[in-house]
Amino acid sequence: MKLKYIWVLSAVAIVLMKPCFAQDKTKVEVGEKIYTTYCETCHGENLVNSGQSFDLRKLKVSELPRFENSVQNGKGQMPPWRGVISEKDMDLIWAYIRTKANDR
């Protein structure tokens, strides 16, 4: 009986999580498009551009504030994107970057 209960709870959890996975996939896909538009020229197709810019794959999940600050205010040769890239778009770009991160 206990095994059946666990199985039912697992099945329910999978069904309830499916929309979350679909939302995450969509979020990543949209983030990739925004990245391609604004970031790829300097940061490269795969988040790295042979030493010419920061390797975005190195960003750790805890470095979201660093990412947001750099995008909004610029850093080094990177111009500020405040007023161009919205907070929502930054969140979508971040979701895409996290799928390619080295620390996953």
PDB file of N, CA and C in Angstrom:
ATOM      1  N   MET A   1       0.826  -1.203   0.000  1.00  0.00           N
ATOM      2  CA  MET A   1       0.000   0.000   0.000  1.00  0.00           C
ATOM      3  C   MET A   1       0.867   1.263   0.000  1.00  0.00           C
ATOM      4  N   LYS A   2       1.928   1.253   0.814  1.00  0.00           N
ATOM      5  CA  LYS A   2       2.797   2.414   0.900  1.00  0.00           C
ATOM      6  C   LYS A   2       3.483   2.686  -0.452  1.00  0.00           C
ATOM      7  N   LEU A   3       3.900   1.636  -1.150  1.00  0.00           N
ATOM      8  CA  LEU A   3       4.548   1.773  -2.445  1.00  0.00           C
ATOM      9  C   LEU A   3       3.588   2.391  -3.465  1.00  0.00           C
ATOM     10  N   LYS A   4       2.319   1.964  -3.427  1.00  0.00           N
ATOM     11  CA  LYS A   4       1.318   2.520  -4.332  1.00  0.00           C
ATOM     12  C   LYS A   4       1.129   4.015  -4.059  1.00  0.00           C
ATOM     13  N   TYR A   5       1.123   4.383  -2.791  1.00  0.00           N
ATOM     14  CA  TYR A   5       0.966   5.781  -2.387  1.00  0.00           C
ATOM     15  C   TYR A   5       2.131   6.617  -2.920  1.00  0.00           C
ATOM     16  N   ILE A   6       3.349   6.110  -2.790  1.00  0.00           N
ATOM     17  CA  ILE A   6       4.535   6.805  -3.289  1.00  0.00           C
ATOM     18  C   ILE A   6       4.467   6.957  -4.799  1.00  0.00           C
ATOM     19  N   TRP A   7       4.048   5.917  -5.489  1.00  0.00           N
ATOM     20  CA  TRP A   7       3.937   5.947  -6.944  1.00  0.00           C
ATOM     21  C   TRP A   7       2.927   7.009  -7.386  1.00  0.00           C
ATOM     22  N   VAL A   8       1.784   7.053  -6.727  1.00  0.00           N
ATOM     23  CA  VAL A   8       0.749   8.032  -7.067  1.00  0.00           C
ATOM     24  C   VAL A   8       1.269   9.460  -6.832  1.00  0.00           C
ATOM     25  N   LEU A   9       1.937   9.691  -5.702  1.00  0.00           N
ATOM     26  CA  LEU A   9       2.487  11.011  -5.427  1.00  0.00           C
ATOM     27  C   LEU A   9       3.545  11.392  -6.461  1.00  0.00           C
ATOM     28  N   SER A  10       4.361  10.457  -6.872  1.00  0.00           N
ATOM     29  CA  SER A  10       5.382  10.721  -7.895  1.00  0.00           C
ATOM     30  C   SER A  10       4.734  11.091  -9.226  1.00  0.00           C
ATOM     31  N   ALA A  11       3.703  10.353  -9.595  1.00  0.00           N
ATOM     32  CA  ALA A  11       3.007  10.628 -10.856  1.00  0.00           C
ATOM     33  C   ALA A  11       2.370  12.017 -10.825  1.00  0.00           C
ATOM     34  N   VAL A  12       1.753  12.361  -9.711  1.00  0.00           N
ATOM     35  CA  VAL A  12       1.128  13.683  -9.569  1.00  0.00           C
ATOM     36  C   VAL A  12       2.196  14.775  -9.657  1.00  0.00           C
ATOM     37  N   ALA A  13       3.327  14.576  -8.997  1.00  0.00           N
ATOM     38  CA  ALA A  13       4.416  15.568  -9.027  1.00  0.00           C
ATOM     39  C   ALA A  13       4.914  15.777 -10.452  1.00  0.00           C
ATOM     40  N   ILE A  14       5.061  14.704 -11.214  1.00  0.00           N
ATOM     41  CA  ILE A  14       5.526  14.806 -12.597  1.00  0.00           C
ATOM     42  C   ILE A  14       4.524  15.587 -13.433  1.00  0.00           C
ATOM     43  N   VAL A  15       3.263  15.299 -13.277  1.00  0.00           N
ATOM     44  CA  VAL A  15       2.227  16.003 -14.039  1.00  0.00           C
ATOM     45  C   VAL A  15       2.205  17.486 -13.683  1.00  0.00           C
ATOM     46  N   LEU A  16       2.365  17.798 -12.410  1.00  0.00           N
ATOM     47  CA  LEU A  16       2.336  19.200 -11.988  1.00  0.00           C
ATOM     48  C   LEU A  16       3.602  19.950 -12.404  1.00  0.00           C
ATOM     49  N   MET A  17       4.729  19.263 -12.513  1.00  0.00           N
ATOM     50  CA  MET A  17       5.986  19.914 -12.875  1.00  0.00           C
ATOM     51  C   MET A  17       6.128  20.130 -14.374  1.00  0.00           C
ATOM     52  N   LYS A  18       5.407  19.391 -15.183  1.00  0.00           N
ATOM     53  CA  LYS A  18       5.550  19.490 -16.633  1.00  0.00           C
ATOM     54  C   LYS A  18       5.371  20.919 -17.149  1.00  0.00           C
ATOM     55  N   PRO A  19       4.352  21.667 -16.710  1.00  0.00           N
ATOM     56  CA  PRO A  19       4.232  23.046 -17.175  1.00  0.00           C
ATOM     57  C   PRO A  19       5.438  23.904 -16.784  1.00  0.00           C
ATOM     58  N   CYS A  20       6.055  23.625 -15.633  1.00  0.00           N
ATOM     59  CA  CYS A  20       7.241  24.373 -15.210  1.00  0.00           C
ATOM     60  C   CYS A  20       8.384  24.144 -16.180  1.00  0.00           C
ATOM     61  N   PHE A  21       8.587  22.891 -16.573  1.00  0.00           N
ATOM     62  CA  PHE A  21       9.654  22.591 -17.523  1.00  0.00           C
ATOM     63  C   PHE A  21       9.390  23.276 -18.857  1.00  0.00           C
ATOM     64  N   ALA A  22       8.143  23.298 -19.303  1.00  0.00           N
ATOM     65  CA  ALA A  22       7.796  23.957 -20.563  1.00  0.00           C
ATOM     66  C   ALA A  22       8.057  25.453 -20.468  1.00  0.00           C
ATOM     67  N   GLN A  23       7.711  26.054 -19.317  1.00  0.00           N
ATOM     68  CA  GLN A  23       7.955  27.486 -19.124  1.00  0.00           C
ATOM     69  C   GLN A  23       9.450  27.773 -19.125  1.00  0.00           C
ATOM     70  N   ASP A  24      10.228  26.923 -18.436  1.00  0.00           N
ATOM     71  CA  ASP A  24      11.671  27.120 -18.393  1.00  0.00           C
ATOM     72  C   ASP A  24      12.270  27.009 -19.788  1.00  0.00           C
ATOM     73  N   LYS A  25      11.824  26.043 -20.567  1.00  0.00           N
ATOM     74  CA  LYS A  25      12.340  25.859 -21.923  1.00  0.00           C
ATOM     75  C   LYS A  25      12.024  27.088 -22.771  1.00  0.00           C
ATOM     76  N   THR A  26      10.815  27.582 -22.668  1.00  0.00           N
ATOM     77  CA  THR A  26      10.416  28.776 -23.410  1.00  0.00           C
ATOM     78  C   THR A  26      11.247  29.977 -22.968  1.00  0.00           C
ATOM     79  N   LYS A  27      11.444  30.108 -21.667  1.00  0.00           N
ATOM     80  CA  LYS A  27      12.228  31.215 -21.119  1.00  0.00           C
ATOM     81  C   LYS A  27      13.654  31.180 -21.676  1.00  0.00           C
ATOM     82  N   VAL A  28      14.250  30.003 -21.716  1.00  0.00           N
ATOM     83  CA  VAL A  28      15.610  29.847 -22.242  1.00  0.00           C
ATOM     84  C   VAL A  28      15.653  30.176 -23.732  1.00  0.00           C
ATOM     85  N   GLU A  29      14.665  29.704 -24.474  1.00  0.00           N
ATOM     86  CA  GLU A  29      14.632  29.965 -25.920  1.00  0.00           C
ATOM     87  C   GLU A  29      14.507  31.455 -26.213  1.00  0.00           C
ATOM     88  N   VAL A  30      13.661  32.141 -25.475  1.00  0.00           N
ATOM     89  CA  VAL A  30      13.508  33.589 -25.663  1.00  0.00           C
ATOM     90  C   VAL A  30      14.793  34.296 -25.226  1.00  0.00           C
ATOM     91  N   GLY A  31      15.376  33.843 -24.117  1.00  0.00           N
ATOM     92  CA  GLY A  31      16.639  34.415 -23.645  1.00  0.00           C
ATOM     93  C   GLY A  31      17.749  34.269 -24.668  1.00  0.00           C
ATOM     94  N   GLU A  32      17.781  33.137 -25.353  1.00  0.00           N
ATOM     95  CA  GLU A  32      18.790  32.924 -26.400  1.00  0.00           C
ATOM     96  C   GLU A  32      18.604  33.927 -27.543  1.00  0.00           C
ATOM     97  N   LYS A  33      17.366  34.185 -27.907  1.00  0.00           N
ATOM     98  CA  LYS A  33      17.102  35.156 -28.982  1.00  0.00           C
ATOM     99  C   LYS A  33      17.545  36.560 -28.578  1.00  0.00           C
ATOM    100  N   ILE A  34      17.271  36.934 -27.342  1.00  0.00           N
ATOM    101  CA  ILE A  34      17.679  38.257 -26.858  1.00  0.00           C
ATOM    102  C   ILE A  34      19.206  38.318 -26.788  1.00  0.00           C
ATOM    103  N   TYR A  35      19.824  37.253 -26.295  1.00  0.00           N
ATOM    104  CA  TYR A  35      21.290  37.173 -26.243  1.00  0.00           C
ATOM    105  C   TYR A  35      21.873  37.358 -27.649  1.00  0.00           C
ATOM    106  N   THR A  36      21.311  36.664 -28.613  1.00  0.00           N
ATOM    107  CA  THR A  36      21.791  36.749 -29.995  1.00  0.00           C
ATOM    108  C   THR A  36      21.716  38.185 -30.504  1.00  0.00           C
ATOM    109  N   THR A  37      20.657  38.883 -30.154  1.00  0.00           N
ATOM    110  CA  THR A  37      20.459  40.253 -30.605  1.00  0.00           C
ATOM    111  C   THR A  37      21.443  41.231 -29.966  1.00  0.00           C
ATOM    112  N   TYR A  38      21.639  41.131 -28.656  1.00  0.00           N
ATOM    113  CA  TYR A  38      22.402  42.149 -27.937  1.00  0.00           C
ATOM    114  C   TYR A  38      23.811  41.733 -27.511  1.00  0.00           C
ATOM    115  N   CYS A  39      24.043  40.465 -27.296  1.00  0.00           N
ATOM    116  CA  CYS A  39      25.277  40.038 -26.621  1.00  0.00           C
ATOM    117  C   CYS A  39      26.247  39.252 -27.500  1.00  0.00           C
ATOM    118  N   GLU A  40      25.708  38.520 -28.445  1.00  0.00           N
ATOM    119  CA  GLU A  40      26.514  37.578 -29.211  1.00  0.00           C
ATOM    120  C   GLU A  40      27.662  38.233 -29.982  1.00  0.00           C
ATOM    121  N   THR A  41      27.459  39.434 -30.470  1.00  0.00           N
ATOM    122  CA  THR A  41      28.495  40.113 -31.243  1.00  0.00           C
ATOM    123  C   THR A  41      29.806  40.182 -30.463  1.00  0.00           C
ATOM    124  N   CYS A  42      29.733  40.498 -29.182  1.00  0.00           N
ATOM    125  CA  CYS A  42      30.947  40.617 -28.362  1.00  0.00           C
ATOM    126  C   CYS A  42      31.271  39.340 -27.582  1.00  0.00           C
ATOM    127  N   HIS A  43      30.249  38.689 -27.052  1.00  0.00           N
ATOM    128  CA  HIS A  43      30.481  37.537 -26.171  1.00  0.00           C
ATOM    129  C   HIS A  43      30.508  36.211 -26.907  1.00  0.00           C
ATOM    130  N   GLY A  44      30.192  36.205 -28.177  1.00  0.00           N
ATOM    131  CA  GLY A  44      30.302  34.995 -28.982  1.00  0.00           C
ATOM    132  C   GLY A  44      29.060  34.131 -28.984  1.00  0.00           C
ATOM    133  N   GLU A  45      29.005  33.275 -29.980  1.00  0.00           N
ATOM    134  CA  GLU A  45      27.853  32.395 -30.175  1.00  0.00           C
ATOM    135  C   GLU A  45      27.658  31.438 -29.003  1.00  0.00           C
ATOM    136  N   ASN A  46      28.747  31.002 -28.401  1.00  0.00           N
ATOM    137  CA  ASN A  46      28.666  30.037 -27.295  1.00  0.00           C
ATOM    138  C   ASN A  46      29.043  30.662 -25.955  1.00  0.00           C
ATOM    139  N   LEU A  47      28.788  31.939 -25.793  1.00  0.00           N
ATOM    140  CA  LEU A  47      29.023  32.716 -24.575  1.00  0.00           C
ATOM    141  C   LEU A  47      30.491  33.025 -24.328  1.00  0.00           C
ATOM    142  N   VAL A  48      31.348  32.697 -25.262  1.00  0.00           N
ATOM    143  CA  VAL A  48      32.768  32.997 -25.125  1.00  0.00           C
ATOM    144  C   VAL A  48      33.307  33.452 -26.481  1.00  0.00           C
ATOM    145  N   ASN A  49      34.181  34.464 -26.456  1.00  0.00           N
ATOM    146  CA  ASN A  49      34.708  35.016 -27.691  1.00  0.00           C
ATOM    147  C   ASN A  49      36.234  35.123 -27.624  1.00  0.00           C
ATOM    148  N   SER A  50      36.895  34.019 -27.514  1.00  0.00           N
ATOM    149  CA  SER A  50      38.360  33.914 -27.578  1.00  0.00           C
ATOM    150  C   SER A  50      39.123  35.029 -26.866  1.00  0.00           C
ATOM    151  N   GLY A  51      38.795  35.291 -25.630  1.00  0.00           N
ATOM    152  CA  GLY A  51      39.550  36.259 -24.847  1.00  0.00           C
ATOM    153  C   GLY A  51      39.249  37.719 -25.107  1.00  0.00           C
ATOM    154  N   GLN A  52      38.386  38.023 -26.062  1.00  0.00           N
ATOM    155  CA  GLN A  52      38.066  39.423 -26.353  1.00  0.00           C
ATOM    156  C   GLN A  52      37.027  39.987 -25.397  1.00  0.00           C
ATOM    157  N   SER A  53      36.284  39.114 -24.748  1.00  0.00           N
ATOM    158  CA  SER A  53      35.285  39.551 -23.779  1.00  0.00           C
ATOM    159  C   SER A  53      35.165  38.477 -22.706  1.00  0.00           C
ATOM    160  N   PHE A  54      34.467  38.805 -21.641  1.00  0.00           N
ATOM    161  CA  PHE A  54      34.307  37.879 -20.523  1.00  0.00           C
ATOM    162  C   PHE A  54      33.591  36.610 -20.979  1.00  0.00           C
ATOM    163  N   ASP A  55      34.091  35.474 -20.545  1.00  0.00           N
ATOM    164  CA  ASP A  55      33.488  34.165 -20.821  1.00  0.00           C
ATOM    165  C   ASP A  55      32.271  34.007 -19.914  1.00  0.00           C
ATOM    166  N   LEU A  56      31.096  34.197 -20.465  1.00  0.00           N
ATOM    167  CA  LEU A  56      29.864  34.167 -19.670  1.00  0.00           C
ATOM    168  C   LEU A  56      29.562  32.791 -19.092  1.00  0.00           C
ATOM    169  N   ARG A  57      30.195  31.754 -19.611  1.00  0.00           N
ATOM    170  CA  ARG A  57      29.999  30.407 -19.065  1.00  0.00           C
ATOM    171  C   ARG A  57      30.576  30.293 -17.660  1.00  0.00           C
ATOM    172  N   LYS A  58      31.453  31.209 -17.292  1.00  0.00           N
ATOM    173  CA  LYS A  58      32.098  31.178 -15.974  1.00  0.00           C
ATOM    174  C   LYS A  58      31.226  31.783 -14.870  1.00  0.00           C
ATOM    175  N   LEU A  59      30.159  32.470 -15.247  1.00  0.00           N
ATOM    176  CA  LEU A  59      29.285  33.063 -14.233  1.00  0.00           C
ATOM    177  C   LEU A  59      28.621  31.973 -13.406  1.00  0.00           C
ATOM    178  N   LYS A  60      28.738  32.108 -12.102  1.00  0.00           N
ATOM    179  CA  LYS A  60      28.102  31.160 -11.177  1.00  0.00           C
ATOM    180  C   LYS A  60      26.702  31.668 -10.832  1.00  0.00           C
ATOM    181  N   VAL A  61      25.861  30.771 -10.376  1.00  0.00           N
ATOM    182  CA  VAL A  61      24.484  31.137 -10.056  1.00  0.00           C
ATOM    183  C   VAL A  61      24.450  32.269  -9.025  1.00  0.00           C
ATOM    184  N   SER A  62      25.438  32.318  -8.144  1.00  0.00           N
ATOM    185  CA  SER A  62      25.490  33.357  -7.111  1.00  0.00           C
ATOM    186  C   SER A  62      25.909  34.716  -7.665  1.00  0.00           C
ATOM    187  N   GLU A  63      26.318  34.777  -8.925  1.00  0.00           N
ATOM    188  CA  GLU A  63      26.804  36.018  -9.508  1.00  0.00           C
ATOM    189  C   GLU A  63      25.749  36.776 -10.310  1.00  0.00           C
ATOM    190  N   LEU A  64      24.490  36.469 -10.076  1.00  0.00           N
ATOM    191  CA  LEU A  64      23.414  37.206 -10.747  1.00  0.00           C
ATOM    192  C   LEU A  64      23.531  38.715 -10.508  1.00  0.00           C
ATOM    193  N   PRO A  65      23.770  39.173  -9.267  1.00  0.00           N
ATOM    194  CA  PRO A  65      23.906  40.630  -9.073  1.00  0.00           C
ATOM    195  C   PRO A  65      25.056  41.231  -9.887  1.00  0.00           C
ATOM    196  N   ARG A  66      26.158  40.508 -10.003  1.00  0.00           N
ATOM    197  CA  ARG A  66      27.289  40.970 -10.821  1.00  0.00           C
ATOM    198  C   ARG A  66      26.868  41.106 -12.285  1.00  0.00           C
ATOM    199  N   PHE A  67      26.165  40.103 -12.789  1.00  0.00           N
ATOM    200  CA  PHE A  67      25.673  40.112 -14.163  1.00  0.00           C
ATOM    201  C   PHE A  67      24.751  41.306 -14.395  1.00  0.00           C
ATOM    202  N   GLU A  68      23.786  41.478 -13.503  1.00  0.00           N
ATOM    203  CA  GLU A  68      22.822  42.579 -13.648  1.00  0.00           C
ATOM    204  C   GLU A  68      23.518  43.933 -13.612  1.00  0.00           C
ATOM    205  N   ASN A  69      24.473  44.100 -12.701  1.00  0.00           N
ATOM    206  CA  ASN A  69      25.204  45.366 -12.598  1.00  0.00           C
ATOM    207  C   ASN A  69      25.999  45.631 -13.873  1.00  0.00           C
ATOM    208  N   SER A  70      26.680  44.609 -14.395  1.00  0.00           N
ATOM    209  CA  SER A  70      27.479  44.786 -15.607  1.00  0.00           C
ATOM    210  C   SER A  70      26.612  45.145 -16.803  1.00  0.00           C
ATOM    211  N   VAL A  71      25.464  44.490 -16.916  1.00  0.00           N
ATOM    212  CA  VAL A  71      24.571  44.777 -18.044  1.00  0.00           C
ATOM    213  C   VAL A  71      24.000  46.188 -17.917  1.00  0.00           C
ATOM    214  N   GLN A  72      23.534  46.535 -16.750  1.00  0.00           N
ATOM    215  CA  GLN A  72      22.909  47.844 -16.564  1.00  0.00           C
ATOM    216  C   GLN A  72      23.908  48.999 -16.658  1.00  0.00           C
ATOM    217  N   ASN A  73      25.087  48.827 -16.060  1.00  0.00           N
ATOM    218  CA  ASN A  73      26.024  49.944 -15.918  1.00  0.00           C
ATOM    219  C   ASN A  73      27.261  49.848 -16.808  1.00  0.00           C
ATOM    220  N   GLY A  74      27.415  48.741 -17.496  1.00  0.00           N
ATOM    221  CA  GLY A  74      28.596  48.539 -18.316  1.00  0.00           C
ATOM    222  C   GLY A  74      29.786  48.151 -17.470  1.00  0.00           C
ATOM    223  N   LYS A  75      30.832  47.656 -18.134  1.00  0.00           N
ATOM    224  CA  LYS A  75      32.049  47.276 -17.415  1.00  0.00           C
ATOM    225  C   LYS A  75      33.177  47.166 -18.436  1.00  0.00           C
ATOM    226  N   GLY A  76      34.276  47.833 -18.173  1.00  0.00           N
ATOM    227  CA  GLY A  76      35.387  47.811 -19.118  1.00  0.00           C
ATOM    228  C   GLY A  76      34.945  48.358 -20.466  1.00  0.00           C
ATOM    229  N   GLN A  77      35.112  47.564 -21.509  1.00  0.00           N
ATOM    230  CA  GLN A  77      34.714  48.001 -22.849  1.00  0.00           C
ATOM    231  C   GLN A  77      33.226  47.784 -23.129  1.00  0.00           C
ATOM    232  N   MET A  78      32.551  47.101 -22.210  1.00  0.00           N
ATOM    233  CA  MET A  78      31.115  46.850 -22.408  1.00  0.00           C
ATOM    234  C   MET A  78      30.320  48.103 -22.059  1.00  0.00           C
ATOM    235  N   PRO A  79      29.480  48.555 -22.984  1.00  0.00           N
ATOM    236  CA  PRO A  79      28.672  49.743 -22.702  1.00  0.00           C
ATOM    237  C   PRO A  79      27.519  49.419 -21.762  1.00  0.00           C
ATOM    238  N   PRO A  80      26.978  50.429 -21.093  1.00  0.00           N
ATOM    239  CA  PRO A  80      25.787  50.187 -20.269  1.00  0.00           C
ATOM    240  C   PRO A  80      24.570  49.941 -21.163  1.00  0.00           C
ATOM    241  N   TRP A  81      23.746  49.000 -20.749  1.00  0.00           N
ATOM    242  CA  TRP A  81      22.532  48.666 -21.505  1.00  0.00           C
ATOM    243  C   TRP A  81      21.266  49.126 -20.771  1.00  0.00           C
ATOM    244  N   ARG A  82      21.443  49.935 -19.718  1.00  0.00           N
ATOM    245  CA  ARG A  82      20.282  50.460 -18.973  1.00  0.00           C
ATOM    246  C   ARG A  82      19.366  51.198 -19.946  1.00  0.00           C
ATOM    247  N   GLY A  83      18.093  50.890 -19.891  1.00  0.00           N
ATOM    248  CA  GLY A  83      17.128  51.522 -20.781  1.00  0.00           C
ATOM    249  C   GLY A  83      16.996  50.842 -22.131  1.00  0.00           C
ATOM    250  N   VAL A  84      17.902  49.913 -22.421  1.00  0.00           N
ATOM    251  CA  VAL A  84      17.834  49.164 -23.684  1.00  0.00           C
ATOM    252  C   VAL A  84      17.373  47.734 -23.405  1.00  0.00           C
ATOM    253  N   ILE A  85      18.034  47.103 -22.444  1.00  0.00           N
ATOM    254  CA  ILE A  85      17.664  45.736 -22.051  1.00  0.00           C
ATOM    255  C   ILE A  85      16.893  45.834 -20.741  1.00  0.00           C
ATOM    256  N   SER A  86      15.654  45.410 -20.764  1.00  0.00           N
ATOM    257  CA  SER A  86      14.795  45.496 -19.583  1.00  0.00           C
ATOM    258  C   SER A  86      15.205  44.453 -18.542  1.00  0.00           C
ATOM    259  N   GLU A  87      14.708  44.625 -17.321  1.00  0.00           N
ATOM    260  CA  GLU A  87      14.977  43.645 -16.259  1.00  0.00           C
ATOM    261  C   GLU A  87      14.419  42.279 -16.644  1.00  0.00           C
ATOM    262  N   LYS A  88      13.261  42.269 -17.275  1.00  0.00           N
ATOM    263  CA  LYS A  88      12.668  41.003 -17.719  1.00  0.00           C
ATOM    264  C   LYS A  88      13.569  40.332 -18.754  1.00  0.00           C
ATOM    265  N   ASP A  89      14.078  41.109 -19.698  1.00  0.00           N
ATOM    266  CA  ASP A  89      14.969  40.554 -20.709  1.00  0.00           C
ATOM    267  C   ASP A  89      16.279  40.070 -20.094  1.00  0.00           C
ATOM    268  N   MET A  90      16.791  40.785 -19.087  1.00  0.00           N
ATOM    269  CA  MET A  90      17.996  40.326 -18.392  1.00  0.00           C
ATOM    270  C   MET A  90      17.744  38.980 -17.730  1.00  0.00           C
ATOM    271  N   ASP A  91      16.559  38.817 -17.146  1.00  0.00           N
ATOM    272  CA  ASP A  91      16.189  37.550 -16.514  1.00  0.00           C
ATOM    273  C   ASP A  91      16.174  36.427 -17.554  1.00  0.00           C
ATOM    274  N   LEU A  92      15.669  36.717 -18.733  1.00  0.00           N
ATOM    275  CA  LEU A  92      15.615  35.711 -19.801  1.00  0.00           C
ATOM    276  C   LEU A  92      17.023  35.381 -20.313  1.00  0.00           C
ATOM    277  N   ILE A  93      17.858  36.400 -20.471  1.00  0.00           N
ATOM    278  CA  ILE A  93      19.246  36.162 -20.882  1.00  0.00           C
ATOM    279  C   ILE A  93      19.953  35.317 -19.819  1.00  0.00           C
ATOM    280  N   TRP A  94      19.732  35.640 -18.551  1.00  0.00           N
ATOM    281  CA  TRP A  94      20.341  34.895 -17.448  1.00  0.00           C
ATOM    282  C   TRP A  94      19.917  33.429 -17.501  1.00  0.00           C
ATOM    283  N   ALA A  95      18.652  33.172 -17.769  1.00  0.00           N
ATOM    284  CA  ALA A  95      18.166  31.787 -17.872  1.00  0.00           C
ATOM    285  C   ALA A  95      18.924  31.049 -18.982  1.00  0.00           C
ATOM    286  N   TYR A  96      19.137  31.717 -20.101  1.00  0.00           N
ATOM    287  CA  TYR A  96      19.889  31.108 -21.202  1.00  0.00           C
ATOM    288  C   TYR A  96      21.347  30.866 -20.794  1.00  0.00           C
ATOM    289  N   ILE A  97      21.986  31.850 -20.189  1.00  0.00           N
ATOM    290  CA  ILE A  97      23.380  31.708 -19.762  1.00  0.00           C
ATOM    291  C   ILE A  97      23.532  30.531 -18.799  1.00  0.00           C
ATOM    292  N   ARG A  98      22.589  30.396 -17.884  1.00  0.00           N
ATOM    293  CA  ARG A  98      22.684  29.319 -16.881  1.00  0.00           C
ATOM    294  C   ARG A  98      22.638  27.935 -17.535  1.00  0.00           C
ATOM    295  N   THR A  99      22.004  27.816 -18.691  1.00  0.00           N
ATOM    296  CA  THR A  99      21.967  26.496 -19.358  1.00  0.00           C
ATOM    297  C   THR A  99      23.322  26.129 -19.940  1.00  0.00           C
ATOM    298  N   LYS A 100      24.199  27.108 -20.126  1.00  0.00           N
ATOM    299  CA  LYS A 100      25.522  26.882 -20.711  1.00  0.00           C
ATOM    300  C   LYS A 100      26.645  26.998 -19.692  1.00  0.00           C
ATOM    301  N   ALA A 101      26.320  27.297 -18.456  1.00  0.00           N
ATOM    302  CA  ALA A 101      27.335  27.576 -17.424  1.00  0.00           C
ATOM    303  C   ALA A 101      28.214  26.365 -17.141  1.00  0.00           C
ATOM    304  N   ASN A 102      29.462  26.655 -16.788  1.00  0.00           N
ATOM    305  CA  ASN A 102      30.428  25.603 -16.474  1.00  0.00           C
ATOM    306  C   ASN A 102      30.150  24.917 -15.139  1.00  0.00           C
ATOM    307  N   ASP A 103      29.436  25.564 -14.237  1.00  0.00           N
ATOM    308  CA  ASP A 103      29.225  25.013 -12.895  1.00  0.00           C
ATOM    309  C   ASP A 103      27.902  24.266 -12.739  1.00  0.00           C
ATOM    310  N   ARG A 104      27.273  23.899 -13.835  1.00  0.00           N
ATOM    311  CA  ARG A 104      26.003  23.184 -13.745  1.00  0.00           C
ATOM    312  C   ARG A 104      26.207  21.777 -13.286  1.00  0.00           C
TER     313      ARG A 104
END
